[in-house]
Amino acid sequence: MRNQGIGSWPARRARKTPHRTALVHGGHRHSYADLHERSTRLAHALRTAGIRRGDRIAYLGPNHPSFLETLFAAGLLGALFVPLNTRLALPEIAHQLDDCGARALIHAPGCAPLVPSGAVPVTVRTGEEYESWLAGADRTPIDEPVGLDDTCLIMYTSGTTGRPKGAMLTHGNLTWNAYNVLVDTDLLADDVALVSAPLFHTGGLNMLTLPVLLKGGACLLTESFDPAGALELIARERISYMFGVPTMYDLMARQDGWADADLRSLRILNCGGAPVPRPLIDTYLRRGLSFQQGYGMTEAGPGVLFLDAEHTAGKAGSAGVPHFFTDVLLTTADGREAGLGEVGEVLVSGPNVGPGYWGLPEATGLAFHGEWFRSGDAARADADGYLTIADRIKDMYISGGENVYPAEVEEALLALPGVAECAVYGVPDPKWGEVGRAVVVPAAGAAVDPDALLAALAGVLAKYKLPRTVLLADELPRTASGKILKHRLRARHDG
């Protein structure tokens, strides 16, 4: 094959294990031969509609086989795949379609209200229209020359600090990221993965689905996460591998059927988006289950750091060590390498790191320096080489001349009884410059007293780290990947 990219994966898998199950959705099972044929038909249909090499093909919809078929079809043509977040508003979708210059859009019927009128030349709705499109298309192999250095997709960042940027990832970036996962998680060809994290997010797609398909396992796709339903699927479908954010795992453990749920098939629990709180780790350990944890960002494909299940309890709070084919450097504000225990910015290098941002040469130049990507995150390393993420560099605030990293304060708050979620940020103070403000979501049925929380933190944290105010809230604003949107939190509570 002249195609060495992601688009060739279904064909390569089909020639090895054509009859093995690749995808399960809505009670239907699709073999690797099916995935290969349907992706090829879709590529022909898109080519007939005028889509060519280098064009952008967008997808808008929940987890569904057509999402992956569109990704692989784009790869077959040498086109670029652009997954869109279904939780965005119409103007945000319109901006991303315009920004990437999408030539085609495939979308779920339920997402029709989010599709800007006339914004994309070729628009196809999944369901009858999509199936009719495939049925009338050619099935002969396509072998467009695609190399590992060719851009595969544009994935818009979650925008925790402003308007999302289109992070470009090459076929090689995604392939090497999958290699990292295979090396560090010991995936098997008979693993069955529950894909309930959204595919339009880098974790659900690149840390779970693509590595499983590369290895030849099966992915069970659900359109959304249902904690009770997840427990049922684990037992019925013998799920062995899951990926999710801590909130998803916490909701599963809070279900009435948790204590008696059949979890014997579970082998790998991978968690990302935020550190796993120690109480949640203990809850799963009591069921004989350990977490693998990861830290990363869209621009790195996303895997950067990995904490295996063996060290989850002993290194609680740590993000782990770099993935096998990835390197990390911590640098201080004056450009030197951070010493042991010293906080520095996380710089990432490796074949999984993308080439930059779509159409943004200035932003690319600021973030990508030679072989290193500047993450904007702060971390410290211990004597064993394990890194702990301190916070976003921009989230750090200075109180009385001392640096305060909100993540450290949040970890202490989460350890207190009655605290389900929390977020801390700095607010102006006439005496100290800035002081901390905590927003706490109480656990169900818990009566939380803000003053009591502050009293409980005394002696646990240095005085300058203690929040001056604690506000109670019903929920925290989050991205689709579970990250807290602190700019929205500030707007909501500080006006």
Protein backbone atom coordinates (compact mmCIF):
# COMPACT_ATOMS: atom_id res chain seq x y z
CA MET A 1 0.00 0.00 0.00
CA ARG A 2 1.15 3.52 -0.76
CA ASN A 3 -1.08 4.77 2.07
CA GLN A 4 0.84 4.52 5.34
CA GLY A 5 -1.64 6.62 7.32
CA ILE A 6 -4.66 6.09 9.54
CA GLY A 7 -6.93 5.61 6.52
CA SER A 8 -5.19 2.33 5.69
CA TRP A 9 -5.82 0.77 9.11
CA PRO A 10 -9.21 -0.86 8.28
CA ALA A 11 -7.74 -2.51 5.17
CA ARG A 12 -4.67 -3.69 7.06
CA ARG A 13 -6.84 -5.08 9.87
CA ALA A 14 -9.28 -6.66 7.41
CA ARG A 15 -6.53 -8.66 5.74
CA LYS A 16 -5.45 -10.02 9.14
CA THR A 17 -8.70 -10.45 11.08
CA PRO A 18 -11.60 -9.73 8.69
CA HIS A 19 -14.29 -11.51 10.71
CA ARG A 20 -13.38 -10.21 14.15
CA THR A 21 -15.67 -7.60 15.64
CA ALA A 22 -14.38 -4.04 15.30
CA LEU A 23 -17.37 -1.95 16.42
CA VAL A 24 -20.54 -2.59 18.42
CA HIS A 25 -23.32 -0.02 18.42
CA GLY A 26 -27.03 -0.22 19.11
CA GLY A 27 -27.00 -4.01 19.13
CA HIS A 28 -25.24 -4.20 15.74
CA ARG A 29 -21.78 -5.69 15.34
CA HIS A 30 -19.46 -4.56 12.57
CA SER A 31 -16.48 -6.68 11.57
CA TYR A 32 -13.18 -5.29 10.39
CA ALA A 33 -14.16 -6.33 6.87
CA ASP A 34 -17.35 -4.27 7.26
CA LEU A 35 -15.40 -1.26 8.54
CA HIS A 36 -12.99 -1.51 5.60
CA GLU A 37 -15.75 -1.76 3.00
CA ARG A 38 -17.89 1.03 4.47
CA SER A 39 -14.93 3.40 4.87
CA THR A 40 -13.91 2.72 1.26
CA ARG A 41 -17.45 3.32 -0.04
CA LEU A 42 -17.64 6.58 1.90
CA ALA A 43 -14.29 7.70 0.48
CA HIS A 44 -15.57 7.05 -3.07
CA ALA A 45 -18.81 8.91 -2.32
CA LEU A 46 -16.88 11.91 -1.00
CA ARG A 47 -14.58 11.87 -4.02
CA THR A 48 -17.57 11.78 -6.35
CA ALA A 49 -18.95 14.80 -4.49
CA GLY A 50 -15.77 16.71 -5.29
CA ILE A 51 -13.71 16.17 -2.14
CA ARG A 52 -10.02 15.96 -2.85
CA ARG A 53 -6.67 15.55 -1.13
CA GLY A 54 -6.09 18.28 1.46
CA ASP A 55 -9.78 19.18 1.79
CA ARG A 56 -11.32 19.31 5.26
CA ILE A 57 -14.13 16.90 6.17
CA ALA A 58 -16.00 17.73 9.38
CA TYR A 59 -18.14 15.45 11.52
CA LEU A 60 -20.77 16.56 14.03
CA GLY A 61 -22.54 13.94 16.11
CA PRO A 62 -22.35 11.64 19.15
CA ASN A 63 -20.35 8.41 19.19
CA HIS A 64 -21.39 6.35 16.18
CA PRO A 65 -19.68 4.05 13.64
CA SER A 66 -20.08 6.76 10.98
CA PHE A 67 -17.68 8.97 12.98
CA LEU A 68 -14.88 6.44 12.55
CA GLU A 69 -15.88 5.65 8.98
CA THR A 70 -15.53 9.36 8.18
CA LEU A 71 -12.12 9.53 9.87
CA PHE A 72 -10.84 6.55 7.90
CA ALA A 73 -12.43 7.73 4.63
CA ALA A 74 -10.74 11.11 5.00
CA GLY A 75 -7.46 9.29 5.57
CA LEU A 76 -7.98 7.23 2.42
CA LEU A 77 -8.35 10.42 0.36
CA GLY A 78 -5.51 12.32 1.99
CA ALA A 79 -8.11 14.76 3.30
CA LEU A 80 -8.19 16.21 6.82
CA PHE A 81 -10.75 15.08 9.40
CA VAL A 82 -12.29 17.72 11.69
CA PRO A 83 -14.33 16.36 14.63
CA LEU A 84 -16.72 18.94 16.11
CA ASN A 85 -17.91 19.15 19.69
CA THR A 86 -21.68 18.53 19.88
CA ARG A 87 -21.89 20.57 23.08
CA LEU A 88 -20.96 23.80 21.33
CA ALA A 89 -23.44 26.48 20.29
CA LEU A 90 -24.29 27.27 16.66
CA PRO A 91 -21.98 30.32 16.44
CA GLU A 92 -19.08 28.25 17.82
CA ILE A 93 -19.70 25.46 15.29
CA ALA A 94 -19.96 28.05 12.51
CA HIS A 95 -16.63 29.57 13.53
CA GLN A 96 -14.82 26.23 13.44
CA LEU A 97 -16.30 25.24 10.09
CA ASP A 98 -15.28 28.60 8.66
CA ASP A 99 -11.86 28.54 10.33
CA CYS A 100 -10.90 25.17 8.86
CA GLY A 101 -12.63 25.84 5.52
CA ALA A 102 -14.59 22.60 5.63
CA ARG A 103 -15.66 21.27 2.23
CA ALA A 104 -17.86 18.49 3.61
CA LEU A 105 -19.86 17.93 6.79
CA ILE A 106 -21.38 14.66 7.95
CA HIS A 107 -23.73 15.11 10.89
CA ALA A 108 -26.25 13.27 13.03
CA PRO A 109 -29.94 14.16 12.55
CA GLY A 110 -30.16 15.44 16.13
CA CYS A 111 -27.38 17.94 15.39
CA ALA A 112 -29.21 19.56 12.45
CA PRO A 113 -30.03 22.72 14.49
CA LEU A 114 -26.27 23.24 14.97
CA VAL A 115 -25.50 23.16 11.23
CA PRO A 116 -25.14 26.68 9.77
CA SER A 117 -27.17 27.08 6.59
CA GLY A 118 -25.02 27.02 3.45
CA ALA A 119 -21.75 27.00 5.38
CA VAL A 120 -20.39 23.81 3.81
CA PRO A 121 -20.67 22.76 0.13
CA VAL A 122 -21.34 19.06 0.84
CA THR A 123 -23.59 18.16 3.78
CA VAL A 124 -24.80 14.63 4.52
CA ARG A 125 -27.06 13.50 7.36
CA THR A 126 -26.41 10.12 8.96
CA GLY A 127 -29.21 7.59 8.77
CA GLU A 128 -31.09 6.91 5.53
CA GLU A 129 -29.31 9.61 3.52
CA TYR A 130 -25.88 8.42 4.63
CA GLU A 131 -26.70 4.73 4.04
CA SER A 132 -28.07 5.51 0.59
CA TRP A 133 -24.89 7.42 -0.17
CA LEU A 134 -22.76 4.43 0.77
CA ALA A 135 -24.94 1.87 -1.01
CA GLY A 136 -24.50 3.65 -4.33
CA ALA A 137 -20.74 4.10 -4.01
CA ASP A 138 -17.87 2.08 -5.42
CA ARG A 139 -16.09 -0.43 -3.18
CA THR A 140 -12.83 -0.85 -5.09
CA PRO A 141 -9.69 -0.11 -3.02
CA ILE A 142 -8.30 3.42 -2.91
CA ASP A 143 -4.55 3.78 -2.55
CA GLU A 144 -3.85 7.50 -2.41
CA PRO A 145 -0.24 8.02 -1.29
CA VAL A 146 -0.41 9.26 2.30
CA GLY A 147 2.66 9.50 4.52
CA LEU A 148 3.09 9.69 8.26
CA ASP A 149 4.09 13.36 8.01
CA ASP A 150 0.83 14.32 6.26
CA THR A 151 -1.75 16.09 8.41
CA CYS A 152 -4.54 13.71 9.46
CA LEU A 153 -6.90 15.82 11.53
CA ILE A 154 -7.62 19.22 13.01
CA MET A 155 -8.91 18.93 16.55
CA TYR A 156 -10.04 22.12 18.21
CA THR A 157 -8.72 22.54 21.74
CA SER A 158 -11.24 22.75 24.55
CA GLY A 159 -10.70 26.47 24.96
CA THR A 160 -10.23 26.66 28.73
CA THR A 161 -8.33 29.93 28.25
CA GLY A 162 -10.17 31.48 25.31
CA ARG A 163 -11.33 30.72 21.75
CA PRO A 164 -10.35 27.19 20.68
CA LYS A 165 -7.43 26.72 18.31
CA GLY A 166 -7.27 23.99 15.69
CA ALA A 167 -4.46 21.67 16.74
CA MET A 168 -3.07 19.76 13.77
CA LEU A 169 -2.04 16.14 14.21
CA THR A 170 -0.33 14.09 11.53
CA HIS A 171 -0.89 10.44 10.72
CA GLY A 172 2.45 9.78 12.38
CA ASN A 173 1.46 11.66 15.54
CA LEU A 174 -1.63 9.46 15.96
CA THR A 175 0.28 6.29 15.11
CA TRP A 176 3.05 6.98 17.64
CA ASN A 177 0.51 7.96 20.28
CA ALA A 178 -1.19 4.60 19.72
CA TYR A 179 2.19 2.86 20.00
CA ASN A 180 2.71 4.57 23.37
CA VAL A 181 -0.65 3.28 24.58
CA LEU A 182 0.08 -0.25 23.37
CA VAL A 183 3.45 -0.31 25.10
CA ASP A 184 2.25 1.16 28.39
CA THR A 185 -1.18 -0.47 28.81
CA ASP A 186 -0.63 -4.02 27.50
CA LEU A 187 -3.70 -4.04 25.27
CA LEU A 188 -4.77 -7.44 23.93
CA ALA A 189 -6.41 -8.37 20.63
CA ASP A 190 -9.43 -9.77 22.49
CA ASP A 191 -10.01 -6.67 24.63
CA VAL A 192 -13.47 -5.11 24.48
CA ALA A 193 -13.48 -1.37 25.15
CA LEU A 194 -16.43 0.69 26.34
CA VAL A 195 -16.27 3.97 24.42
CA SER A 196 -18.62 6.31 26.25
CA ALA A 197 -16.22 9.26 26.41
CA PRO A 198 -16.92 11.45 23.35
CA LEU A 199 -14.97 10.59 20.22
CA PHE A 200 -14.72 14.27 19.31
CA HIS A 201 -12.38 14.60 22.30
CA THR A 202 -8.77 13.51 21.97
CA GLY A 203 -8.93 11.13 24.96
CA GLY A 204 -11.88 9.07 23.75
CA LEU A 205 -10.53 8.85 20.21
CA ASN A 206 -6.76 8.68 20.54
CA MET A 207 -6.17 7.11 23.95
CA LEU A 208 -8.88 4.47 23.68
CA THR A 209 -10.50 3.82 20.32
CA LEU A 210 -7.60 4.03 17.87
CA PRO A 211 -5.17 1.93 19.96
CA VAL A 212 -7.85 -0.75 20.42
CA LEU A 213 -8.58 -0.85 16.67
CA LEU A 214 -4.87 -0.91 15.85
CA LYS A 215 -4.47 -3.94 18.12
CA GLY A 216 -7.54 -5.65 16.64
CA GLY A 217 -9.89 -5.44 19.62
CA ALA A 218 -13.53 -4.38 19.71
CA CYS A 219 -15.01 -0.98 20.62
CA LEU A 220 -18.52 -0.74 21.99
CA LEU A 221 -19.79 2.78 21.22
CA THR A 222 -22.41 4.52 23.33
CA GLU A 223 -23.75 7.94 22.40
CA SER A 224 -23.43 9.26 25.93
CA PHE A 225 -22.28 8.13 29.34
CA ASP A 226 -24.90 6.47 31.54
CA PRO A 227 -23.38 5.21 34.82
CA ALA A 228 -26.08 2.60 35.49
CA GLY A 229 -26.01 1.51 31.85
CA ALA A 230 -22.23 1.26 31.96
CA LEU A 231 -22.38 -1.25 34.80
CA GLU A 232 -24.89 -3.32 32.82
CA LEU A 233 -22.76 -3.22 29.66
CA ILE A 234 -19.63 -4.25 31.57
CA ALA A 235 -21.39 -7.39 32.80
CA ARG A 236 -23.25 -8.24 29.57
CA GLU A 237 -20.55 -7.46 27.00
CA ARG A 238 -17.58 -8.50 29.17
CA ILE A 239 -15.96 -5.08 28.89
CA SER A 240 -12.25 -5.24 29.69
CA TYR A 241 -11.06 -1.69 28.98
CA MET A 242 -12.51 1.73 29.84
CA PHE A 243 -11.39 5.32 29.55
CA GLY A 244 -13.02 8.23 31.32
CA VAL A 245 -12.62 11.29 33.50
CA PRO A 246 -12.84 10.99 37.31
CA THR A 247 -16.43 12.23 37.37
CA MET A 248 -17.55 9.29 35.20
CA TYR A 249 -15.94 6.73 37.49
CA ASP A 250 -17.33 8.48 40.55
CA LEU A 251 -20.87 8.36 39.15
CA MET A 252 -20.53 4.62 38.48
CA ALA A 253 -19.42 4.01 42.07
CA ARG A 254 -22.45 5.93 43.38
CA GLN A 255 -24.97 3.68 41.64
CA ASP A 256 -27.19 1.48 43.83
CA GLY A 257 -25.93 -1.62 42.04
CA TRP A 258 -22.23 -0.83 42.47
CA ALA A 259 -21.55 -3.21 45.35
CA ASP A 260 -22.96 -6.24 43.52
CA ALA A 261 -22.06 -5.31 39.94
CA ASP A 262 -20.23 -7.97 37.95
CA LEU A 263 -16.89 -6.30 37.18
CA ARG A 264 -14.83 -9.47 36.74
CA SER A 265 -14.07 -8.75 33.08
CA LEU A 266 -12.56 -5.29 33.73
CA ARG A 267 -8.81 -5.35 33.21
CA ILE A 268 -7.82 -1.78 32.38
CA LEU A 269 -9.31 1.39 33.85
CA ASN A 270 -7.70 4.42 32.26
CA CYS A 271 -8.45 7.89 33.61
CA GLY A 272 -7.51 11.31 32.27
CA GLY A 273 -8.59 14.94 32.28
CA ALA A 274 -7.83 15.41 35.99
CA PRO A 275 -6.05 13.55 38.81
CA VAL A 276 -8.06 10.75 40.43
CA PRO A 277 -8.94 11.75 44.02
CA ARG A 278 -7.60 9.38 46.66
CA PRO A 279 -11.09 8.48 47.99
CA LEU A 280 -12.09 7.37 44.49
CA ILE A 281 -8.92 5.29 44.16
CA ASP A 282 -9.78 3.56 47.45
CA THR A 283 -13.38 2.94 46.36
CA TYR A 284 -12.19 1.01 43.30
CA LEU A 285 -9.42 -0.76 45.17
CA ARG A 286 -12.10 -2.22 47.44
CA ARG A 287 -13.57 -3.84 44.31
CA GLY A 288 -10.13 -5.11 43.31
CA LEU A 289 -9.68 -2.52 40.56
CA SER A 290 -6.77 -0.11 40.03
CA PHE A 291 -6.60 2.96 37.84
CA GLN A 292 -4.09 3.82 35.20
CA GLN A 293 -3.82 7.58 34.95
CA GLY A 294 -2.64 9.85 32.21
CA TYR A 295 -1.84 13.48 31.55
CA GLY A 296 -1.71 15.07 28.15
CA MET A 297 -3.01 17.67 25.76
CA THR A 298 -4.53 17.74 22.29
CA GLU A 299 -1.32 19.08 20.75
CA ALA A 300 0.58 15.96 21.88
CA GLY A 301 -1.83 13.45 20.48
CA PRO A 302 -2.60 13.57 23.61
CA GLY A 303 -0.48 11.18 25.72
CA VAL A 304 2.40 12.76 27.65
CA LEU A 305 2.63 11.23 31.15
CA PHE A 306 1.42 7.83 32.31
CA LEU A 307 0.94 6.36 35.80
CA ASP A 308 0.44 2.60 35.75
CA ALA A 309 -1.93 0.75 38.06
CA GLU A 310 0.94 -0.58 40.18
CA HIS A 311 1.87 2.95 41.29
CA THR A 312 -1.58 4.58 41.43
CA ALA A 313 -1.96 4.27 45.20
CA GLY A 314 1.66 4.87 46.17
CA LYS A 315 2.03 7.85 43.86
CA ALA A 316 -1.47 9.29 44.33
CA GLY A 317 -1.60 12.81 42.94
CA SER A 318 1.26 12.17 40.53
CA ALA A 319 0.66 12.29 36.78
CA GLY A 320 3.33 9.65 36.20
CA VAL A 321 6.39 9.41 33.99
CA PRO A 322 6.61 10.16 30.26
CA HIS A 323 5.11 7.67 27.81
CA PHE A 324 7.63 5.31 26.24
CA PHE A 325 8.36 7.32 23.06
CA THR A 326 7.81 10.74 24.66
CA ASP A 327 10.18 13.07 26.52
CA VAL A 328 9.40 15.80 29.04
CA LEU A 329 11.45 18.72 30.32
CA LEU A 330 10.60 21.14 33.14
CA THR A 331 11.87 24.69 32.70
CA THR A 332 11.71 27.70 35.00
CA ALA A 333 10.67 31.22 34.03
CA ASP A 334 14.33 32.18 33.42
CA GLY A 335 14.79 29.29 30.99
CA ARG A 336 16.84 26.87 33.07
CA GLU A 337 15.92 23.27 33.81
CA ALA A 338 13.93 22.97 37.06
CA GLY A 339 15.66 21.23 39.94
CA LEU A 340 14.28 18.39 42.04
CA GLY A 341 10.97 19.42 43.58
CA GLU A 342 11.07 22.81 41.86
CA VAL A 343 8.08 23.93 39.81
CA GLY A 344 8.68 24.37 36.10
CA GLU A 345 6.71 24.52 32.87
CA VAL A 346 6.10 21.18 31.15
CA LEU A 347 7.77 20.96 27.74
CA VAL A 348 6.99 17.93 25.59
CA SER A 349 8.90 16.33 22.73
CA GLY A 350 8.32 13.19 20.72
CA PRO A 351 6.83 11.80 17.50
CA ASN A 352 3.34 12.20 19.01
CA VAL A 353 3.64 16.01 19.20
CA GLY A 354 1.82 17.84 16.40
CA PRO A 355 3.22 20.46 14.02
CA GLY A 356 1.15 23.44 15.22
CA TYR A 357 -2.17 25.25 14.97
CA TRP A 358 -4.23 25.51 11.79
CA GLY A 359 -3.89 28.95 10.23
CA LEU A 360 -2.20 30.45 13.30
CA PRO A 361 1.53 30.85 12.62
CA GLU A 362 2.01 33.33 15.48
CA ALA A 363 0.36 31.06 18.07
CA THR A 364 2.32 28.12 16.65
CA GLY A 365 5.57 30.04 17.03
CA LEU A 366 4.80 30.90 20.65
CA ALA A 367 3.95 27.32 21.67
CA PHE A 368 6.23 25.18 19.48
CA HIS A 369 9.97 25.75 19.88
CA GLY A 370 12.03 23.41 17.73
CA GLU A 371 11.37 19.92 19.01
CA TRP A 372 9.59 21.12 22.18
CA PHE A 373 5.97 22.06 22.77
CA ARG A 374 5.30 24.47 25.63
CA SER A 375 2.27 23.10 27.46
CA GLY A 376 1.50 26.06 29.72
CA ASP A 377 1.23 23.62 32.63
CA ALA A 378 3.41 23.72 35.72
CA ALA A 379 4.79 20.58 37.37
CA ARG A 380 7.42 19.32 39.79
CA ALA A 381 9.38 16.04 39.73
CA ASP A 382 10.19 13.80 42.68
CA ALA A 383 13.35 11.78 43.25
CA ASP A 384 11.91 8.81 41.32
CA GLY A 385 11.18 10.90 38.24
CA TYR A 386 7.40 11.02 38.73
CA LEU A 387 5.84 14.33 37.83
CA THR A 388 3.00 16.06 39.68
CA ILE A 389 1.07 18.72 37.80
CA ALA A 390 0.94 21.86 39.93
CA ASP A 391 -1.48 23.80 37.72
CA ARG A 392 -1.86 25.85 34.59
CA ILE A 393 0.86 28.51 34.56
CA LYS A 394 -1.89 31.08 33.97
CA ASP A 395 -3.99 29.73 36.86
CA MET A 396 -1.21 30.30 39.38
CA TYR A 397 -1.72 33.38 41.53
CA ILE A 398 0.66 35.23 43.85
CA SER A 399 -0.45 35.92 47.42
CA GLY A 400 1.87 38.00 49.57
CA GLY A 401 4.75 37.26 47.22
CA GLU A 402 4.20 33.47 47.34
CA ASN A 403 3.17 31.38 44.35
CA VAL A 404 -0.08 29.48 44.93
CA TYR A 405 -1.06 26.63 42.62
CA PRO A 406 -4.83 26.04 42.85
CA ALA A 407 -4.53 22.31 42.11
CA GLU A 408 -2.75 21.76 45.42
CA VAL A 409 -5.51 23.55 47.34
CA GLU A 410 -8.20 21.69 45.40
CA GLU A 411 -6.63 18.35 46.27
CA ALA A 412 -6.77 19.24 49.98
CA LEU A 413 -10.40 20.32 49.72
CA LEU A 414 -11.42 17.14 47.89
CA ALA A 415 -10.07 15.08 50.77
CA LEU A 416 -12.56 16.69 53.18
CA PRO A 417 -15.90 14.98 53.96
CA GLY A 418 -18.86 16.29 52.02
CA VAL A 419 -16.88 17.81 49.11
CA ALA A 420 -17.79 16.30 45.75
CA GLU A 421 -16.08 18.83 43.47
CA CYS A 422 -14.20 22.08 43.87
CA ALA A 423 -12.24 24.74 42.02
CA VAL A 424 -9.91 27.41 43.36
CA TYR A 425 -8.73 30.62 41.71
CA GLY A 426 -7.16 33.91 42.72
CA VAL A 427 -9.09 37.14 43.29
CA PRO A 428 -7.69 40.65 43.90
CA ASP A 429 -6.92 41.64 47.49
CA PRO A 430 -5.73 45.10 48.63
CA LYS A 431 -3.31 43.70 51.20
CA TRP A 432 -1.94 40.51 49.69
CA GLY A 433 -2.31 41.27 45.99
CA GLU A 434 -4.36 38.12 45.45
CA VAL A 435 -6.04 35.57 47.69
CA GLY A 436 -7.79 32.30 46.95
CA ARG A 437 -11.48 31.77 46.35
CA ALA A 438 -12.89 28.23 46.44
CA VAL A 439 -16.10 27.12 44.77
CA VAL A 440 -17.33 23.85 46.28
CA VAL A 441 -19.99 21.44 45.08
CA PRO A 442 -21.28 19.49 48.11
CA ALA A 443 -21.74 15.74 47.88
CA ALA A 444 -25.33 14.52 47.59
CA GLY A 445 -27.08 14.87 50.93
CA ALA A 446 -24.13 16.57 52.60
CA ALA A 447 -24.53 19.75 54.64
CA VAL A 448 -21.36 21.72 54.00
CA ASP A 449 -20.36 24.70 56.14
CA PRO A 450 -17.83 26.97 54.34
CA ASP A 451 -16.29 28.12 57.61
CA ALA A 452 -15.85 24.54 58.75
CA LEU A 453 -14.05 23.70 55.51
CA LEU A 454 -11.60 26.56 56.02
CA ALA A 455 -11.03 25.49 59.62
CA ALA A 456 -10.33 21.92 58.48
CA LEU A 457 -7.67 23.15 56.04
CA ALA A 458 -5.80 25.06 58.75
CA GLY A 459 -2.62 23.19 59.50
CA VAL A 460 -2.93 21.13 56.31
CA LEU A 461 -1.81 23.96 54.03
CA ALA A 462 0.36 27.00 54.61
CA LYS A 463 -1.62 30.08 55.62
CA TYR A 464 -0.98 31.90 52.37
CA LYS A 465 -2.48 28.96 50.45
CA LEU A 466 -5.76 28.94 52.39
CA PRO A 467 -8.73 30.36 50.46
CA ARG A 468 -10.20 33.47 52.03
CA THR A 469 -13.70 32.67 50.81
CA VAL A 470 -15.63 29.48 50.05
CA LEU A 471 -18.71 29.61 47.82
CA LEU A 472 -21.16 26.72 47.40
CA ALA A 473 -22.48 25.77 43.97
CA ASP A 474 -24.64 23.09 42.36
CA GLU A 475 -22.11 22.39 39.60
CA LEU A 476 -18.87 23.54 38.01
CA PRO A 477 -18.69 24.59 34.35
CA ARG A 478 -16.67 22.00 32.43
CA THR A 479 -15.52 21.19 28.93
CA ALA A 480 -16.61 17.97 27.22
CA SER A 481 -13.41 16.37 28.49
CA GLY A 482 -14.19 17.24 32.10
CA LYS A 483 -11.79 20.16 32.52
CA ILE A 484 -13.08 23.03 34.63
CA LEU A 485 -13.63 26.27 32.73
CA LYS A 486 -12.21 28.73 35.22
CA HIS A 487 -12.88 31.80 33.09
CA ARG A 488 -16.58 30.89 33.14
CA LEU A 489 -16.37 30.14 36.85
CA ARG A 490 -14.98 33.61 37.46
CA ALA A 491 -17.66 35.23 35.35
CA ARG A 492 -20.38 33.28 37.14
CA HIS A 493 -19.27 34.07 40.69
CA ASP A 494 -17.42 37.37 40.35
CA GLY A 495 -19.59 39.07 37.76
